[in-house]
mmCIF file of all heavy atoms, coordinates in Angstrom:
data_MODEL
# 
_entry.id   MODEL 
# 
loop_
_atom_site.group_PDB 
_atom_site.id 
_atom_site.type_symbol 
_atom_site.label_atom_id 
_atom_site.label_alt_id 
_atom_site.label_comp_id 
_atom_site.label_asym_id 
_atom_site.label_entity_id 
_atom_site.label_seq_id 
_atom_site.pdbx_PDB_ins_code 
_atom_site.Cartn_x 
_atom_site.Cartn_y 
_atom_site.Cartn_z 
_atom_site.occupancy 
_atom_site.B_iso_or_equiv 
_atom_site.pdbx_formal_charge 
_atom_site.auth_seq_id 
_atom_site.auth_comp_id 
_atom_site.auth_asym_id 
_atom_site.auth_atom_id 
_atom_site.pdbx_PDB_model_num 
ATOM 1   N N   . THR A 1 1  ? 16.608 3.623  -13.043 1.00 0.00 ? 1  THR A N   1 
ATOM 2   C CA  . THR A 1 1  ? 16.364 4.768  -13.909 1.00 0.00 ? 1  THR A CA  1 
ATOM 3   C C   . THR A 1 1  ? 17.334 4.792  -15.094 1.00 0.00 ? 1  THR A C   1 
ATOM 4   O O   . THR A 1 1  ? 17.025 5.443  -16.098 1.00 0.00 ? 1  THR A O   1 
ATOM 5   C CB  . THR A 1 1  ? 16.451 6.091  -13.160 1.00 0.00 ? 1  THR A CB  1 
ATOM 6   O OG1 . THR A 1 1  ? 17.804 6.289  -12.705 1.00 0.00 ? 1  THR A OG1 1 
ATOM 7   C CG2 . THR A 1 1  ? 15.524 6.103  -11.962 1.00 0.00 ? 1  THR A CG2 1 
ATOM 8   N N   . TRP A 1 2  ? 18.541 4.260  -14.926 1.00 0.00 ? 2  TRP A N   1 
ATOM 9   C CA  . TRP A 1 2  ? 19.624 4.405  -15.910 1.00 0.00 ? 2  TRP A CA  1 
ATOM 10  C C   . TRP A 1 2  ? 19.844 5.861  -16.234 1.00 0.00 ? 2  TRP A C   1 
ATOM 11  O O   . TRP A 1 2  ? 20.214 6.240  -17.352 1.00 0.00 ? 2  TRP A O   1 
ATOM 12  C CB  . TRP A 1 2  ? 19.349 3.571  -17.190 1.00 0.00 ? 2  TRP A CB  1 
ATOM 13  C CG  . TRP A 1 2  ? 19.598 2.146  -16.980 1.00 0.00 ? 2  TRP A CG  1 
ATOM 14  C CD1 . TRP A 1 2  ? 19.470 1.391  -15.803 1.00 0.00 ? 2  TRP A CD1 1 
ATOM 15  C CD2 . TRP A 1 2  ? 20.014 1.180  -18.000 1.00 0.00 ? 2  TRP A CD2 1 
ATOM 16  N NE1 . TRP A 1 2  ? 19.778 0.076  -16.058 1.00 0.00 ? 2  TRP A NE1 1 
ATOM 17  C CE2 . TRP A 1 2  ? 20.111 -0.066 -17.365 1.00 0.00 ? 2  TRP A CE2 1 
ATOM 18  C CE3 . TRP A 1 2  ? 20.284 1.329  -19.338 1.00 0.00 ? 2  TRP A CE3 1 
ATOM 19  C CZ2 . TRP A 1 2  ? 20.519 -1.222 -18.056 1.00 0.00 ? 2  TRP A CZ2 1 
ATOM 20  C CZ3 . TRP A 1 2  ? 20.667 0.154  -20.048 1.00 0.00 ? 2  TRP A CZ3 1 
ATOM 21  C CH2 . TRP A 1 2  ? 20.758 -1.064 -19.414 1.00 0.00 ? 2  TRP A CH2 1 
ATOM 22  N N   . ASP A 1 3  ? 19.583 6.703  -15.244 1.00 0.00 ? 3  ASP A N   1 
ATOM 23  C CA  . ASP A 1 3  ? 19.780 8.170  -15.374 1.00 0.00 ? 3  ASP A CA  1 
ATOM 24  C C   . ASP A 1 3  ? 18.924 8.793  -16.446 1.00 0.00 ? 3  ASP A C   1 
ATOM 25  O O   . ASP A 1 3  ? 19.238 9.882  -16.982 1.00 0.00 ? 3  ASP A O   1 
ATOM 26  C CB  . ASP A 1 3  ? 21.254 8.506  -15.637 1.00 0.00 ? 3  ASP A CB  1 
ATOM 27  C CG  . ASP A 1 3  ? 21.539 9.970  -15.430 1.00 0.00 ? 3  ASP A CG  1 
ATOM 28  O OD1 . ASP A 1 3  ? 21.021 10.556 -14.485 1.00 0.00 ? 3  ASP A OD1 1 
ATOM 29  O OD2 . ASP A 1 3  ? 22.267 10.530 -16.261 1.00 0.00 ? 3  ASP A OD2 1 
ATOM 30  N N   . LYS A 1 4  ? 17.819 8.188  -16.824 1.00 0.00 ? 4  LYS A N   1 
ATOM 31  C CA  . LYS A 1 4  ? 16.892 8.809  -17.791 1.00 0.00 ? 4  LYS A CA  1 
ATOM 32  C C   . LYS A 1 4  ? 16.057 9.862  -17.089 1.00 0.00 ? 4  LYS A C   1 
ATOM 33  O O   . LYS A 1 4  ? 15.391 10.623 -17.766 1.00 0.00 ? 4  LYS A O   1 
ATOM 34  C CB  . LYS A 1 4  ? 16.029 7.730  -18.409 1.00 0.00 ? 4  LYS A CB  1 
ATOM 35  C CG  . LYS A 1 4  ? 16.815 6.779  -19.303 1.00 0.00 ? 4  LYS A CG  1 
ATOM 36  C CD  . LYS A 1 4  ? 15.948 5.636  -19.828 1.00 0.00 ? 4  LYS A CD  1 
ATOM 37  C CE  . LYS A 1 4  ? 16.771 4.707  -20.661 1.00 0.00 ? 4  LYS A CE  1 
ATOM 38  N NZ  . LYS A 1 4  ? 15.967 3.544  -21.164 1.00 0.00 ? 4  LYS A NZ  1 
ATOM 39  N N   . SER A 1 5  ? 16.046 9.875  -15.787 1.00 0.00 ? 5  SER A N   1 
ATOM 40  C CA  . SER A 1 5  ? 15.367 10.893 -14.974 1.00 0.00 ? 5  SER A CA  1 
ATOM 41  C C   . SER A 1 5  ? 16.132 11.019 -13.669 1.00 0.00 ? 5  SER A C   1 
ATOM 42  O O   . SER A 1 5  ? 16.801 10.122 -13.241 1.00 0.00 ? 5  SER A O   1 
ATOM 43  C CB  . SER A 1 5  ? 13.943 10.458 -14.707 1.00 0.00 ? 5  SER A CB  1 
ATOM 44  O OG  . SER A 1 5  ? 13.307 11.300 -13.727 1.00 0.00 ? 5  SER A OG  1 
ATOM 45  N N   . ASP A 1 6  ? 16.016 12.206 -13.047 1.00 0.00 ? 6  ASP A N   1 
ATOM 46  C CA  . ASP A 1 6  ? 16.583 12.353 -11.707 1.00 0.00 ? 6  ASP A CA  1 
ATOM 47  C C   . ASP A 1 6  ? 15.797 11.661 -10.618 1.00 0.00 ? 6  ASP A C   1 
ATOM 48  O O   . ASP A 1 6  ? 16.278 11.469 -9.523  1.00 0.00 ? 6  ASP A O   1 
ATOM 49  C CB  . ASP A 1 6  ? 16.566 13.869 -11.311 1.00 0.00 ? 6  ASP A CB  1 
ATOM 50  C CG  . ASP A 1 6  ? 17.787 14.628 -11.888 1.00 0.00 ? 6  ASP A CG  1 
ATOM 51  O OD1 . ASP A 1 6  ? 18.680 13.963 -12.474 1.00 0.00 ? 6  ASP A OD1 1 
ATOM 52  O OD2 . ASP A 1 6  ? 17.868 15.854 -11.696 1.00 0.00 ? 6  ASP A OD2 1 
ATOM 53  N N   . TYR A 1 7  ? 14.559 11.255 -10.962 1.00 0.00 ? 7  TYR A N   1 
ATOM 54  C CA  . TYR A 1 7  ? 13.591 10.911 -9.978  1.00 0.00 ? 7  TYR A CA  1 
ATOM 55  C C   . TYR A 1 7  ? 13.178 9.421  -10.010 1.00 0.00 ? 7  TYR A C   1 
ATOM 56  O O   . TYR A 1 7  ? 13.035 8.790  -11.052 1.00 0.00 ? 7  TYR A O   1 
ATOM 57  C CB  . TYR A 1 7  ? 12.337 11.728 -10.105 1.00 0.00 ? 7  TYR A CB  1 
ATOM 58  C CG  . TYR A 1 7  ? 12.639 13.213 -10.212 1.00 0.00 ? 7  TYR A CG  1 
ATOM 59  C CD1 . TYR A 1 7  ? 12.496 13.886 -11.437 1.00 0.00 ? 7  TYR A CD1 1 
ATOM 60  C CD2 . TYR A 1 7  ? 13.059 13.927 -9.112  1.00 0.00 ? 7  TYR A CD2 1 
ATOM 61  C CE1 . TYR A 1 7  ? 12.776 15.236 -11.532 1.00 0.00 ? 7  TYR A CE1 1 
ATOM 62  C CE2 . TYR A 1 7  ? 13.342 15.278 -9.211  1.00 0.00 ? 7  TYR A CE2 1 
ATOM 63  C CZ  . TYR A 1 7  ? 13.214 15.914 -10.417 1.00 0.00 ? 7  TYR A CZ  1 
ATOM 64  O OH  . TYR A 1 7  ? 13.515 17.282 -10.507 1.00 0.00 ? 7  TYR A OH  1 
ATOM 65  N N   . LEU A 1 8  ? 13.003 8.873  -8.803  1.00 0.00 ? 8  LEU A N   1 
ATOM 66  C CA  . LEU A 1 8  ? 12.448 7.534  -8.645  1.00 0.00 ? 8  LEU A CA  1 
ATOM 67  C C   . LEU A 1 8  ? 11.530 7.493  -7.437  1.00 0.00 ? 8  LEU A C   1 
ATOM 68  O O   . LEU A 1 8  ? 11.893 7.921  -6.345  1.00 0.00 ? 8  LEU A O   1 
ATOM 69  C CB  . LEU A 1 8  ? 13.558 6.448  -8.478  1.00 0.00 ? 8  LEU A CB  1 
ATOM 70  C CG  . LEU A 1 8  ? 13.072 5.003  -8.299  1.00 0.00 ? 8  LEU A CG  1 
ATOM 71  C CD1 . LEU A 1 8  ? 12.407 4.521  -9.533  1.00 0.00 ? 8  LEU A CD1 1 
ATOM 72  C CD2 . LEU A 1 8  ? 14.203 4.073  -7.916  1.00 0.00 ? 8  LEU A CD2 1 
ATOM 73  N N   . TRP A 1 9  ? 10.245 7.067  -7.697  1.00 0.00 ? 9  TRP A N   1 
ATOM 74  C CA  . TRP A 1 9  ? 9.263  6.909  -6.597  1.00 0.00 ? 9  TRP A CA  1 
ATOM 75  C C   . TRP A 1 9  ? 9.480  5.583  -5.909  1.00 0.00 ? 9  TRP A C   1 
ATOM 76  O O   . TRP A 1 9  ? 9.600  4.543  -6.594  1.00 0.00 ? 9  TRP A O   1 
ATOM 77  C CB  . TRP A 1 9  ? 7.872  6.991  -7.137  1.00 0.00 ? 9  TRP A CB  1 
ATOM 78  C CG  . TRP A 1 9  ? 7.363  8.365  -7.441  1.00 0.00 ? 9  TRP A CG  1 
ATOM 79  C CD1 . TRP A 1 9  ? 7.197  8.937  -8.657  1.00 0.00 ? 9  TRP A CD1 1 
ATOM 80  C CD2 . TRP A 1 9  ? 6.872  9.352  -6.509  1.00 0.00 ? 9  TRP A CD2 1 
ATOM 81  N NE1 . TRP A 1 9  ? 6.684  10.196 -8.581  1.00 0.00 ? 9  TRP A NE1 1 
ATOM 82  C CE2 . TRP A 1 9  ? 6.457  10.470 -7.252  1.00 0.00 ? 9  TRP A CE2 1 
ATOM 83  C CE3 . TRP A 1 9  ? 6.764  9.386  -5.115  1.00 0.00 ? 9  TRP A CE3 1 
ATOM 84  C CZ2 . TRP A 1 9  ? 5.945  11.622 -6.625  1.00 0.00 ? 9  TRP A CZ2 1 
ATOM 85  C CZ3 . TRP A 1 9  ? 6.250  10.505 -4.514  1.00 0.00 ? 9  TRP A CZ3 1 
ATOM 86  C CH2 . TRP A 1 9  ? 5.840  11.609 -5.269  1.00 0.00 ? 9  TRP A CH2 1 
ATOM 87  N N   . TYR A 1 10 ? 9.568  5.576  -4.609  1.00 0.00 ? 10 TYR A N   1 
ATOM 88  C CA  . TYR A 1 10 ? 9.523  4.381  -3.732  1.00 0.00 ? 10 TYR A CA  1 
ATOM 89  C C   . TYR A 1 10 ? 8.173  4.410  -3.001  1.00 0.00 ? 10 TYR A C   1 
ATOM 90  O O   . TYR A 1 10 ? 7.975  5.347  -2.186  1.00 0.00 ? 10 TYR A O   1 
ATOM 91  C CB  . TYR A 1 10 ? 10.655 4.387  -2.751  1.00 0.00 ? 10 TYR A CB  1 
ATOM 92  C CG  . TYR A 1 10 ? 12.060 4.251  -3.290  1.00 0.00 ? 10 TYR A CG  1 
ATOM 93  C CD1 . TYR A 1 10 ? 12.658 5.287  -3.970  1.00 0.00 ? 10 TYR A CD1 1 
ATOM 94  C CD2 . TYR A 1 10 ? 12.830 3.088  -3.049  1.00 0.00 ? 10 TYR A CD2 1 
ATOM 95  C CE1 . TYR A 1 10 ? 13.975 5.180  -4.488  1.00 0.00 ? 10 TYR A CE1 1 
ATOM 96  C CE2 . TYR A 1 10 ? 14.106 2.980  -3.518  1.00 0.00 ? 10 TYR A CE2 1 
ATOM 97  C CZ  . TYR A 1 10 ? 14.707 4.012  -4.205  1.00 0.00 ? 10 TYR A CZ  1 
ATOM 98  O OH  . TYR A 1 10 ? 15.977 3.883  -4.660  1.00 0.00 ? 10 TYR A OH  1 
ATOM 99  N N   . THR A 1 11 ? 7.345  3.408  -3.221  1.00 0.00 ? 11 THR A N   1 
ATOM 100 C CA  . THR A 1 11 ? 5.996  3.436  -2.601  1.00 0.00 ? 11 THR A CA  1 
ATOM 101 C C   . THR A 1 11 ? 5.714  2.123  -1.901  1.00 0.00 ? 11 THR A C   1 
ATOM 102 O O   . THR A 1 11 ? 5.955  1.040  -2.492  1.00 0.00 ? 11 THR A O   1 
ATOM 103 C CB  . THR A 1 11 ? 4.924  3.692  -3.647  1.00 0.00 ? 11 THR A CB  1 
ATOM 104 O OG1 . THR A 1 11 ? 5.157  4.977  -4.243  1.00 0.00 ? 11 THR A OG1 1 
ATOM 105 C CG2 . THR A 1 11 ? 3.542  3.708  -3.014  1.00 0.00 ? 11 THR A CG2 1 
ATOM 106 N N   . THR A 1 12 ? 5.241  2.179  -0.691  1.00 0.00 ? 12 THR A N   1 
ATOM 107 C CA  . THR A 1 12 ? 4.841  0.979  0.018   1.00 0.00 ? 12 THR A CA  1 
ATOM 108 C C   . THR A 1 12 ? 3.606  1.281  0.870   1.00 0.00 ? 12 THR A C   1 
ATOM 109 O O   . THR A 1 12 ? 3.214  2.415  0.994   1.00 0.00 ? 12 THR A O   1 
ATOM 110 C CB  . THR A 1 12 ? 6.006  0.442  0.883   1.00 0.00 ? 12 THR A CB  1 
ATOM 111 O OG1 . THR A 1 12 ? 5.713  -0.915 1.289   1.00 0.00 ? 12 THR A OG1 1 
ATOM 112 C CG2 . THR A 1 12 ? 6.224  1.286  2.137   1.00 0.00 ? 12 THR A CG2 1 
ATOM 113 N N   . TYR A 1 13 ? 3.027  0.203  1.442   1.00 0.00 ? 13 TYR A N   1 
ATOM 114 C CA  . TYR A 1 13 ? 1.792  0.375  2.210   1.00 0.00 ? 13 TYR A CA  1 
ATOM 115 C C   . TYR A 1 13 ? 1.988  -0.168 3.601   1.00 0.00 ? 13 TYR A C   1 
ATOM 116 O O   . TYR A 1 13 ? 2.677  -1.220 3.783   1.00 0.00 ? 13 TYR A O   1 
ATOM 117 C CB  . TYR A 1 13 ? 0.632  -0.353 1.484   1.00 0.00 ? 13 TYR A CB  1 
ATOM 118 C CG  . TYR A 1 13 ? 0.298  0.229  0.143   1.00 0.00 ? 13 TYR A CG  1 
ATOM 119 C CD1 . TYR A 1 13 ? 1.009  -0.189 -0.975  1.00 0.00 ? 13 TYR A CD1 1 
ATOM 120 C CD2 . TYR A 1 13 ? -0.649 1.243  0.041   1.00 0.00 ? 13 TYR A CD2 1 
ATOM 121 C CE1 . TYR A 1 13 ? 0.734  0.355  -2.224  1.00 0.00 ? 13 TYR A CE1 1 
ATOM 122 C CE2 . TYR A 1 13 ? -0.948 1.753  -1.213  1.00 0.00 ? 13 TYR A CE2 1 
ATOM 123 C CZ  . TYR A 1 13 ? -0.229 1.367  -2.318  1.00 0.00 ? 13 TYR A CZ  1 
ATOM 124 O OH  . TYR A 1 13 ? -0.510 1.922  -3.565  1.00 0.00 ? 13 TYR A OH  1 
ATOM 125 N N   . VAL A 1 14 ? 1.379  0.484  4.584   1.00 0.00 ? 14 VAL A N   1 
ATOM 126 C CA  . VAL A 1 14 ? 1.484  0.090  6.000   1.00 0.00 ? 14 VAL A CA  1 
ATOM 127 C C   . VAL A 1 14 ? 0.054  -0.051 6.514   1.00 0.00 ? 14 VAL A C   1 
ATOM 128 O O   . VAL A 1 14 ? -0.781 0.876  6.416   1.00 0.00 ? 14 VAL A O   1 
ATOM 129 C CB  . VAL A 1 14 ? 2.225  1.130  6.810   1.00 0.00 ? 14 VAL A CB  1 
ATOM 130 C CG1 . VAL A 1 14 ? 2.175  0.785  8.297   1.00 0.00 ? 14 VAL A CG1 1 
ATOM 131 C CG2 . VAL A 1 14 ? 3.677  1.224  6.325   1.00 0.00 ? 14 VAL A CG2 1 
ATOM 132 N N   . ASN A 1 15 ? -0.257 -1.207 7.085   1.00 0.00 ? 15 ASN A N   1 
ATOM 133 C CA  . ASN A 1 15 ? -1.572 -1.431 7.670   1.00 0.00 ? 15 ASN A CA  1 
ATOM 134 C C   . ASN A 1 15 ? -1.556 -1.107 9.176   1.00 0.00 ? 15 ASN A C   1 
ATOM 135 O O   . ASN A 1 15 ? -0.676 -1.581 9.896   1.00 0.00 ? 15 ASN A O   1 
ATOM 136 C CB  . ASN A 1 15 ? -2.036 -2.875 7.475   1.00 0.00 ? 15 ASN A CB  1 
ATOM 137 C CG  . ASN A 1 15 ? -3.460 -3.082 7.850   1.00 0.00 ? 15 ASN A CG  1 
ATOM 138 O OD1 . ASN A 1 15 ? -4.341 -2.495 7.234   1.00 0.00 ? 15 ASN A OD1 1 
ATOM 139 N ND2 . ASN A 1 15 ? -3.723 -3.893 8.854   1.00 0.00 ? 15 ASN A ND2 1 
ATOM 140 N N   . ILE A 1 16 ? -2.477 -0.258 9.582   1.00 0.00 ? 16 ILE A N   1 
ATOM 141 C CA  . ILE A 1 16 ? -2.564 0.151  10.975  1.00 0.00 ? 16 ILE A CA  1 
ATOM 142 C C   . ILE A 1 16 ? -3.811 -0.456 11.586  1.00 0.00 ? 16 ILE A C   1 
ATOM 143 O O   . ILE A 1 16 ? -4.945 -0.209 11.103  1.00 0.00 ? 16 ILE A O   1 
ATOM 144 C CB  . ILE A 1 16 ? -2.626 1.686  11.089  1.00 0.00 ? 16 ILE A CB  1 
ATOM 145 C CG1 . ILE A 1 16 ? -1.305 2.301  10.553  1.00 0.00 ? 16 ILE A CG1 1 
ATOM 146 C CG2 . ILE A 1 16 ? -2.859 2.136  12.517  1.00 0.00 ? 16 ILE A CG2 1 
ATOM 147 C CD1 . ILE A 1 16 ? -0.069 1.873  11.265  1.00 0.00 ? 16 ILE A CD1 1 
ATOM 148 N N   . ASN A 1 17 ? -3.610 -1.248 12.642  1.00 0.00 ? 17 ASN A N   1 
ATOM 149 C CA  . ASN A 1 17 ? -4.763 -1.895 13.340  1.00 0.00 ? 17 ASN A CA  1 
ATOM 150 C C   . ASN A 1 17 ? -5.513 -0.901 14.168  1.00 0.00 ? 17 ASN A C   1 
ATOM 151 O O   . ASN A 1 17 ? -4.950 0.142  14.625  1.00 0.00 ? 17 ASN A O   1 
ATOM 152 C CB  . ASN A 1 17 ? -4.261 -3.038 14.212  1.00 0.00 ? 17 ASN A CB  1 
ATOM 153 C CG  . ASN A 1 17 ? -3.709 -4.165 13.359  1.00 0.00 ? 17 ASN A CG  1 
ATOM 154 O OD1 . ASN A 1 17 ? -4.189 -4.447 12.285  1.00 0.00 ? 17 ASN A OD1 1 
ATOM 155 N ND2 . ASN A 1 17 ? -2.681 -4.842 13.888  1.00 0.00 ? 17 ASN A ND2 1 
ATOM 156 N N   . SER A 1 18 ? -6.743 -1.174 14.487  1.00 0.00 ? 18 SER A N   1 
ATOM 157 C CA  . SER A 1 18 ? -7.572 -0.258 15.245  1.00 0.00 ? 18 SER A CA  1 
ATOM 158 C C   . SER A 1 18 ? -7.136 -0.121 16.727  1.00 0.00 ? 18 SER A C   1 
ATOM 159 O O   . SER A 1 18 ? -7.452 0.839  17.369  1.00 0.00 ? 18 SER A O   1 
ATOM 160 C CB  . SER A 1 18 ? -9.022 -0.754 15.232  1.00 0.00 ? 18 SER A CB  1 
ATOM 161 O OG  . SER A 1 18 ? -9.100 -2.077 15.786  1.00 0.00 ? 18 SER A OG  1 
ATOM 162 N N   . ASN A 1 19 ? -6.303 -1.069 17.177  1.00 0.00 ? 19 ASN A N   1 
ATOM 163 C CA  . ASN A 1 19 ? -5.869 -0.978 18.604  1.00 0.00 ? 19 ASN A CA  1 
ATOM 164 C C   . ASN A 1 19 ? -4.563 -0.226 18.778  1.00 0.00 ? 19 ASN A C   1 
ATOM 165 O O   . ASN A 1 19 ? -3.995 -0.238 19.914  1.00 0.00 ? 19 ASN A O   1 
ATOM 166 C CB  . ASN A 1 19 ? -5.730 -2.369 19.174  1.00 0.00 ? 19 ASN A CB  1 
ATOM 167 C CG  . ASN A 1 19 ? -4.660 -3.218 18.473  1.00 0.00 ? 19 ASN A CG  1 
ATOM 168 O OD1 . ASN A 1 19 ? -4.164 -2.821 17.429  1.00 0.00 ? 19 ASN A OD1 1 
ATOM 169 N ND2 . ASN A 1 19 ? -4.360 -4.418 19.029  1.00 0.00 ? 19 ASN A ND2 1 
ATOM 170 N N   . GLU A 1 20 ? -4.019 0.371  17.749  1.00 0.00 ? 20 GLU A N   1 
ATOM 171 C CA  . GLU A 1 20 ? -2.781 1.137  17.887  1.00 0.00 ? 20 GLU A CA  1 
ATOM 172 C C   . GLU A 1 20 ? -2.999 2.339  18.809  1.00 0.00 ? 20 GLU A C   1 
ATOM 173 O O   . GLU A 1 20 ? -3.961 3.133  18.605  1.00 0.00 ? 20 GLU A O   1 
ATOM 174 C CB  . GLU A 1 20 ? -2.231 1.610  16.537  1.00 0.00 ? 20 GLU A CB  1 
ATOM 175 C CG  . GLU A 1 20 ? -1.628 0.545  15.675  1.00 0.00 ? 20 GLU A CG  1 
ATOM 176 C CD  . GLU A 1 20 ? -0.274 0.083  16.162  1.00 0.00 ? 20 GLU A CD  1 
ATOM 177 O OE1 . GLU A 1 20 ? 0.267  0.752  17.129  1.00 0.00 ? 20 GLU A OE1 1 
ATOM 178 O OE2 . GLU A 1 20 ? 0.254  -0.887 15.639  1.00 0.00 ? 20 GLU A OE2 1 
ATOM 179 N N   . GLN A 1 21 ? -2.177 2.453  19.808  1.00 0.00 ? 21 GLN A N   1 
ATOM 180 C CA  . GLN A 1 21 ? -2.369 3.515  20.848  1.00 0.00 ? 21 GLN A CA  1 
ATOM 181 C C   . GLN A 1 21 ? -2.316 4.936  20.254  1.00 0.00 ? 21 GLN A C   1 
ATOM 182 O O   . GLN A 1 21 ? -2.965 5.821  20.724  1.00 0.00 ? 21 GLN A O   1 
ATOM 183 C CB  . GLN A 1 21 ? -1.325 3.338  21.930  1.00 0.00 ? 21 GLN A CB  1 
ATOM 184 C CG  . GLN A 1 21 ? -1.535 2.138  22.844  1.00 0.00 ? 21 GLN A CG  1 
ATOM 185 C CD  . GLN A 1 21 ? -2.862 2.196  23.546  1.00 0.00 ? 21 GLN A CD  1 
ATOM 186 O OE1 . GLN A 1 21 ? -3.252 3.249  24.149  1.00 0.00 ? 21 GLN A OE1 1 
ATOM 187 N NE2 . GLN A 1 21 ? -3.610 1.122  23.501  1.00 0.00 ? 21 GLN A NE2 1 
ATOM 188 N N   . PHE A 1 22 ? -1.450 5.119  19.214  1.00 0.00 ? 22 PHE A N   1 
ATOM 189 C CA  . PHE A 1 22 ? -1.314 6.483  18.699  1.00 0.00 ? 22 PHE A CA  1 
ATOM 190 C C   . PHE A 1 22 ? -2.568 7.035  18.082  1.00 0.00 ? 22 PHE A C   1 
ATOM 191 O O   . PHE A 1 22 ? -2.762 8.225  17.974  1.00 0.00 ? 22 PHE A O   1 
ATOM 192 C CB  . PHE A 1 22 ? -0.138 6.563  17.723  1.00 0.00 ? 22 PHE A CB  1 
ATOM 193 C CG  . PHE A 1 22 ? -0.428 5.999  16.361  1.00 0.00 ? 22 PHE A CG  1 
ATOM 194 C CD1 . PHE A 1 22 ? -1.137 6.717  15.387  1.00 0.00 ? 22 PHE A CD1 1 
ATOM 195 C CD2 . PHE A 1 22 ? 0.067  4.742  16.001  1.00 0.00 ? 22 PHE A CD2 1 
ATOM 196 C CE1 . PHE A 1 22 ? -1.395 6.194  14.146  1.00 0.00 ? 22 PHE A CE1 1 
ATOM 197 C CE2 . PHE A 1 22 ? -0.205 4.216  14.775  1.00 0.00 ? 22 PHE A CE2 1 
ATOM 198 C CZ  . PHE A 1 22 ? -0.932 4.928  13.803  1.00 0.00 ? 22 PHE A CZ  1 
ATOM 199 N N   . LEU A 1 23 ? -3.494 6.126  17.678  1.00 0.00 ? 23 LEU A N   1 
ATOM 200 C CA  . LEU A 1 23 ? -4.757 6.585  17.127  1.00 0.00 ? 23 LEU A CA  1 
ATOM 201 C C   . LEU A 1 23 ? -5.599 7.320  18.157  1.00 0.00 ? 23 LEU A C   1 
ATOM 202 O O   . LEU A 1 23 ? -6.389 8.230  17.816  1.00 0.00 ? 23 LEU A O   1 
ATOM 203 C CB  . LEU A 1 23 ? -5.543 5.392  16.550  1.00 0.00 ? 23 LEU A CB  1 
ATOM 204 C CG  . LEU A 1 23 ? -4.947 4.704  15.336  1.00 0.00 ? 23 LEU A CG  1 
ATOM 205 C CD1 . LEU A 1 23 ? -5.762 3.461  15.003  1.00 0.00 ? 23 LEU A CD1 1 
ATOM 206 C CD2 . LEU A 1 23 ? -4.925 5.662  14.145  1.00 0.00 ? 23 LEU A CD2 1 
ATOM 207 N N   . LYS A 1 24 ? -5.388 6.978  19.422  1.00 0.00 ? 24 LYS A N   1 
ATOM 208 C CA  . LYS A 1 24 ? -6.121 7.643  20.519  1.00 0.00 ? 24 LYS A CA  1 
ATOM 209 C C   . LYS A 1 24 ? -5.335 8.831  21.106  1.00 0.00 ? 24 LYS A C   1 
ATOM 210 O O   . LYS A 1 24 ? -5.893 9.838  21.438  1.00 0.00 ? 24 LYS A O   1 
ATOM 211 C CB  . LYS A 1 24 ? -6.423 6.641  21.604  1.00 0.00 ? 24 LYS A CB  1 
ATOM 212 C CG  . LYS A 1 24 ? -7.273 5.451  21.194  1.00 0.00 ? 24 LYS A CG  1 
ATOM 213 C CD  . LYS A 1 24 ? -7.465 4.443  22.283  1.00 0.00 ? 24 LYS A CD  1 
ATOM 214 C CE  . LYS A 1 24 ? -8.275 3.241  21.842  1.00 0.00 ? 24 LYS A CE  1 
ATOM 215 N NZ  . LYS A 1 24 ? -8.446 2.213  22.925  1.00 0.00 ? 24 LYS A NZ  1 
ATOM 216 N N   . SER A 1 25 ? -4.006 8.617  21.179  1.00 0.00 ? 25 SER A N   1 
ATOM 217 C CA  . SER A 1 25 ? -3.220 9.672  21.819  1.00 0.00 ? 25 SER A CA  1 
ATOM 218 C C   . SER A 1 25 ? -2.849 10.844 20.907  1.00 0.00 ? 25 SER A C   1 
ATOM 219 O O   . SER A 1 25 ? -2.548 11.899 21.360  1.00 0.00 ? 25 SER A O   1 
ATOM 220 C CB  . SER A 1 25 ? -1.926 9.037  22.356  1.00 0.00 ? 25 SER A CB  1 
ATOM 221 O OG  . SER A 1 25 ? -1.070 8.631  21.288  1.00 0.00 ? 25 SER A OG  1 
# 
């Protein structure tokens, strides 16, 4: 940012498979 703003977005992606137990529980 070089302090041009207070804010910085950090964005990432997570792939969740259909067999993940938490999807059912």
